[in-house]
Amino acid sequence: MTKPAEVKAIERVIPQQSSGVEDMVLSHIMSGGVITKDELMAWGKSKGLRVADILRAIENLSGKGRIRKRLNDKGNLVYEYVK
């Protein structure tokens, strides 16, 4: 069964949106160097981003080696930009 043209068009748009979220998340992490997960989620909420989209962007950026996830001295999850 073939997919309607509308569904195909939507499927092409979705990756572009997630890369836009990736760009936003990466630039925010780059501006601070190191940012906690809580700070990142609060920032994302203020920008109207969904938590799932932020987490997907984090996983993609981490997989590409653009950012690193680690625990800070207080045991909080932080994201840091990899130069």
N, C-alpha and C. Protein backbone atom coordinates (compact mmCIF):
# COMPACT_ATOMS: atom_id res chain seq x y z
N MET A 1 0.84 -1.19 0.00
CA MET A 1 0.00 0.00 0.00
C MET A 1 0.88 1.25 0.00
N THR A 2 0.62 2.15 -0.89
CA THR A 2 1.41 3.38 -0.96
C THR A 2 0.85 4.40 0.02
N LYS A 3 1.73 5.26 0.45
CA LYS A 3 1.33 6.30 1.40
C LYS A 3 0.81 7.52 0.65
N PRO A 4 -0.18 8.18 1.21
CA PRO A 4 -0.67 9.42 0.58
C PRO A 4 0.44 10.47 0.54
N ALA A 5 0.34 11.36 -0.40
CA ALA A 5 1.36 12.41 -0.57
C ALA A 5 1.50 13.26 0.69
N GLU A 6 0.38 13.49 1.40
CA GLU A 6 0.44 14.29 2.62
C GLU A 6 1.33 13.63 3.66
N VAL A 7 1.21 12.33 3.84
CA VAL A 7 2.01 11.61 4.83
C VAL A 7 3.48 11.67 4.45
N LYS A 8 3.78 11.49 3.17
CA LYS A 8 5.16 11.57 2.71
C LYS A 8 5.75 12.95 2.98
N ALA A 9 4.95 13.98 2.75
CA ALA A 9 5.42 15.35 2.98
C ALA A 9 5.70 15.57 4.47
N ILE A 10 4.83 15.07 5.33
CA ILE A 10 5.03 15.22 6.78
C ILE A 10 6.29 14.49 7.21
N GLU A 11 6.51 13.29 6.69
CA GLU A 11 7.70 12.52 7.06
C GLU A 11 8.98 13.23 6.66
N ARG A 12 8.95 14.01 5.59
CA ARG A 12 10.14 14.76 5.18
C ARG A 12 10.36 15.97 6.09
N VAL A 13 9.32 16.53 6.65
CA VAL A 13 9.43 17.72 7.50
C VAL A 13 9.97 17.37 8.88
N ILE A 14 9.62 16.23 9.41
CA ILE A 14 9.98 15.88 10.79
C ILE A 14 11.49 15.90 11.03
N PRO A 15 12.33 15.30 10.19
CA PRO A 15 13.78 15.38 10.45
C PRO A 15 14.30 16.80 10.45
N GLN A 16 13.76 17.66 9.61
CA GLN A 16 14.21 19.05 9.59
C GLN A 16 13.89 19.74 10.90
N GLN A 17 12.73 19.44 11.47
CA GLN A 17 12.37 20.04 12.74
C GLN A 17 13.32 19.58 13.84
N SER A 18 13.64 18.28 13.87
CA SER A 18 14.52 17.79 14.92
C SER A 18 15.92 18.35 14.76
N SER A 19 16.39 18.56 13.53
CA SER A 19 17.71 19.15 13.37
C SER A 19 17.69 20.62 13.80
N GLY A 20 16.54 21.28 13.65
CA GLY A 20 16.41 22.64 14.15
C GLY A 20 16.50 22.68 15.66
N VAL A 21 15.88 21.71 16.31
CA VAL A 21 15.97 21.60 17.77
C VAL A 21 17.40 21.28 18.15
N GLU A 22 18.05 20.39 17.41
CA GLU A 22 19.46 20.06 17.67
C GLU A 22 20.32 21.31 17.62
N ASP A 23 20.12 22.12 16.59
CA ASP A 23 20.90 23.35 16.44
C ASP A 23 20.68 24.29 17.61
N MET A 24 19.42 24.42 18.02
CA MET A 24 19.10 25.29 19.15
C MET A 24 19.75 24.79 20.44
N VAL A 25 19.64 23.49 20.68
CA VAL A 25 20.21 22.90 21.90
C VAL A 25 21.72 23.03 21.88
N LEU A 26 22.34 22.72 20.75
CA LEU A 26 23.80 22.81 20.66
C LEU A 26 24.27 24.25 20.89
N SER A 27 23.62 25.21 20.28
CA SER A 27 24.07 26.60 20.46
C SER A 27 23.89 27.05 21.90
N HIS A 28 22.84 26.56 22.57
CA HIS A 28 22.64 26.92 23.98
C HIS A 28 23.73 26.30 24.85
N ILE A 29 24.07 25.05 24.58
CA ILE A 29 25.14 24.39 25.35
C ILE A 29 26.48 25.08 25.07
N MET A 30 26.71 25.43 23.80
CA MET A 30 27.96 26.11 23.44
C MET A 30 28.08 27.46 24.15
N SER A 31 26.97 28.16 24.31
CA SER A 31 27.02 29.48 24.93
C SER A 31 27.41 29.40 26.41
N GLY A 32 27.07 28.28 27.05
CA GLY A 32 27.42 28.13 28.46
C GLY A 32 28.61 27.23 28.69
N GLY A 33 28.99 26.44 27.71
CA GLY A 33 30.09 25.50 27.87
C GLY A 33 29.65 24.21 28.54
N VAL A 34 29.12 24.34 29.75
CA VAL A 34 28.58 23.21 30.51
C VAL A 34 27.24 23.65 31.07
N ILE A 35 26.22 22.79 30.94
CA ILE A 35 24.89 23.13 31.43
C ILE A 35 24.25 21.89 32.04
N THR A 36 23.53 22.08 33.15
CA THR A 36 22.87 20.94 33.78
C THR A 36 21.61 20.57 32.99
N LYS A 37 21.18 19.35 33.20
CA LYS A 37 19.96 18.89 32.53
C LYS A 37 18.78 19.76 32.94
N ASP A 38 18.69 20.09 34.23
CA ASP A 38 17.58 20.91 34.72
C ASP A 38 17.58 22.28 34.05
N GLU A 39 18.76 22.89 33.92
CA GLU A 39 18.86 24.20 33.26
C GLU A 39 18.44 24.09 31.79
N LEU A 40 18.87 23.02 31.14
CA LEU A 40 18.54 22.83 29.73
C LEU A 40 17.04 22.63 29.55
N MET A 41 16.42 21.86 30.43
CA MET A 41 14.98 21.61 30.32
C MET A 41 14.19 22.89 30.59
N ALA A 42 14.63 23.68 31.56
CA ALA A 42 13.95 24.95 31.85
C ALA A 42 14.07 25.89 30.66
N TRP A 43 15.24 25.95 30.04
CA TRP A 43 15.45 26.77 28.86
C TRP A 43 14.54 26.30 27.72
N GLY A 44 14.50 24.97 27.51
CA GLY A 44 13.67 24.41 26.45
C GLY A 44 12.20 24.72 26.65
N LYS A 45 11.77 24.62 27.89
CA LYS A 45 10.37 24.93 28.21
C LYS A 45 10.07 26.40 27.89
N SER A 46 11.01 27.28 28.20
CA SER A 46 10.80 28.72 27.93
C SER A 46 10.74 28.99 26.42
N LYS A 47 11.35 28.11 25.63
CA LYS A 47 11.34 28.25 24.17
C LYS A 47 10.18 27.50 23.53
N GLY A 48 9.39 26.80 24.34
CA GLY A 48 8.25 26.06 23.82
C GLY A 48 8.61 24.72 23.20
N LEU A 49 9.78 24.18 23.55
CA LEU A 49 10.21 22.89 23.02
C LEU A 49 9.67 21.75 23.87
N ARG A 50 9.42 20.62 23.23
CA ARG A 50 8.96 19.44 23.97
C ARG A 50 10.16 18.72 24.58
N VAL A 51 9.97 18.15 25.77
CA VAL A 51 11.04 17.43 26.45
C VAL A 51 11.56 16.30 25.57
N ALA A 52 10.66 15.58 24.91
CA ALA A 52 11.07 14.47 24.04
C ALA A 52 11.98 14.95 22.92
N ASP A 53 11.68 16.12 22.36
CA ASP A 53 12.51 16.66 21.27
C ASP A 53 13.90 17.05 21.79
N ILE A 54 13.94 17.62 23.00
CA ILE A 54 15.22 18.00 23.59
C ILE A 54 16.06 16.76 23.86
N LEU A 55 15.44 15.73 24.44
CA LEU A 55 16.17 14.50 24.75
C LEU A 55 16.65 13.81 23.48
N ARG A 56 15.83 13.83 22.44
CA ARG A 56 16.24 13.24 21.16
C ARG A 56 17.43 14.01 20.58
N ALA A 57 17.38 15.32 20.68
CA ALA A 57 18.49 16.14 20.20
C ALA A 57 19.77 15.85 20.98
N ILE A 58 19.65 15.69 22.30
CA ILE A 58 20.80 15.36 23.15
C ILE A 58 21.41 14.03 22.72
N GLU A 59 20.56 13.03 22.52
CA GLU A 59 21.06 11.71 22.10
C GLU A 59 21.77 11.79 20.75
N ASN A 60 21.19 12.52 19.81
CA ASN A 60 21.80 12.67 18.49
C ASN A 60 23.14 13.40 18.57
N LEU A 61 23.17 14.49 19.33
CA LEU A 61 24.40 15.27 19.46
C LEU A 61 25.48 14.47 20.19
N SER A 62 25.08 13.72 21.19
CA SER A 62 26.01 12.89 21.94
C SER A 62 26.57 11.78 21.04
N GLY A 63 25.70 11.18 20.24
CA GLY A 63 26.12 10.13 19.32
C GLY A 63 27.08 10.63 18.26
N LYS A 64 26.92 11.89 17.87
CA LYS A 64 27.80 12.49 16.86
C LYS A 64 29.11 13.00 17.48
N GLY A 65 29.20 12.97 18.81
CA GLY A 65 30.40 13.45 19.49
C GLY A 65 30.47 14.95 19.64
N ARG A 66 29.35 15.64 19.43
CA ARG A 66 29.34 17.10 19.54
C ARG A 66 29.25 17.57 21.00
N ILE A 67 28.59 16.75 21.83
CA ILE A 67 28.49 17.06 23.26
C ILE A 67 28.81 15.81 24.06
N ARG A 68 29.10 16.00 25.34
CA ARG A 68 29.40 14.90 26.23
C ARG A 68 28.47 14.98 27.44
N LYS A 69 27.97 13.83 27.87
CA LYS A 69 27.14 13.77 29.07
C LYS A 69 28.00 13.25 30.21
N ARG A 70 27.90 13.89 31.38
CA ARG A 70 28.65 13.42 32.55
C ARG A 70 27.96 13.92 33.81
N LEU A 71 28.42 13.43 34.96
CA LEU A 71 27.91 13.91 36.24
C LEU A 71 28.88 14.94 36.79
N ASN A 72 28.34 16.02 37.36
CA ASN A 72 29.21 17.02 37.97
C ASN A 72 29.51 16.62 39.42
N ASP A 73 30.21 17.49 40.14
CA ASP A 73 30.60 17.19 41.52
C ASP A 73 29.41 16.98 42.45
N LYS A 74 28.29 17.59 42.12
CA LYS A 74 27.08 17.46 42.95
C LYS A 74 26.24 16.26 42.54
N GLY A 75 26.67 15.53 41.53
CA GLY A 75 25.92 14.36 41.06
C GLY A 75 24.82 14.69 40.07
N ASN A 76 24.82 15.91 39.57
CA ASN A 76 23.82 16.31 38.57
C ASN A 76 24.34 15.96 37.18
N LEU A 77 23.41 15.55 36.31
CA LEU A 77 23.76 15.28 34.92
C LEU A 77 24.01 16.62 34.22
N VAL A 78 25.16 16.73 33.58
CA VAL A 78 25.49 17.94 32.83
C VAL A 78 25.86 17.56 31.41
N TYR A 79 25.67 18.52 30.52
CA TYR A 79 26.05 18.37 29.13
C TYR A 79 27.13 19.40 28.86
N GLU A 80 28.21 18.95 28.20
CA GLU A 80 29.27 19.90 27.88
C GLU A 80 29.60 19.82 26.40
N TYR A 81 29.91 20.95 25.86
CA TYR A 81 30.28 21.06 24.45
C TYR A 81 31.67 20.49 24.24
N VAL A 82 31.81 19.66 23.21
CA VAL A 82 33.11 19.09 22.86
C VAL A 82 33.68 19.91 21.72
N LYS A 83 34.83 20.54 21.96
CA LYS A 83 35.45 21.43 20.97
C LYS A 83 36.16 20.65 19.89
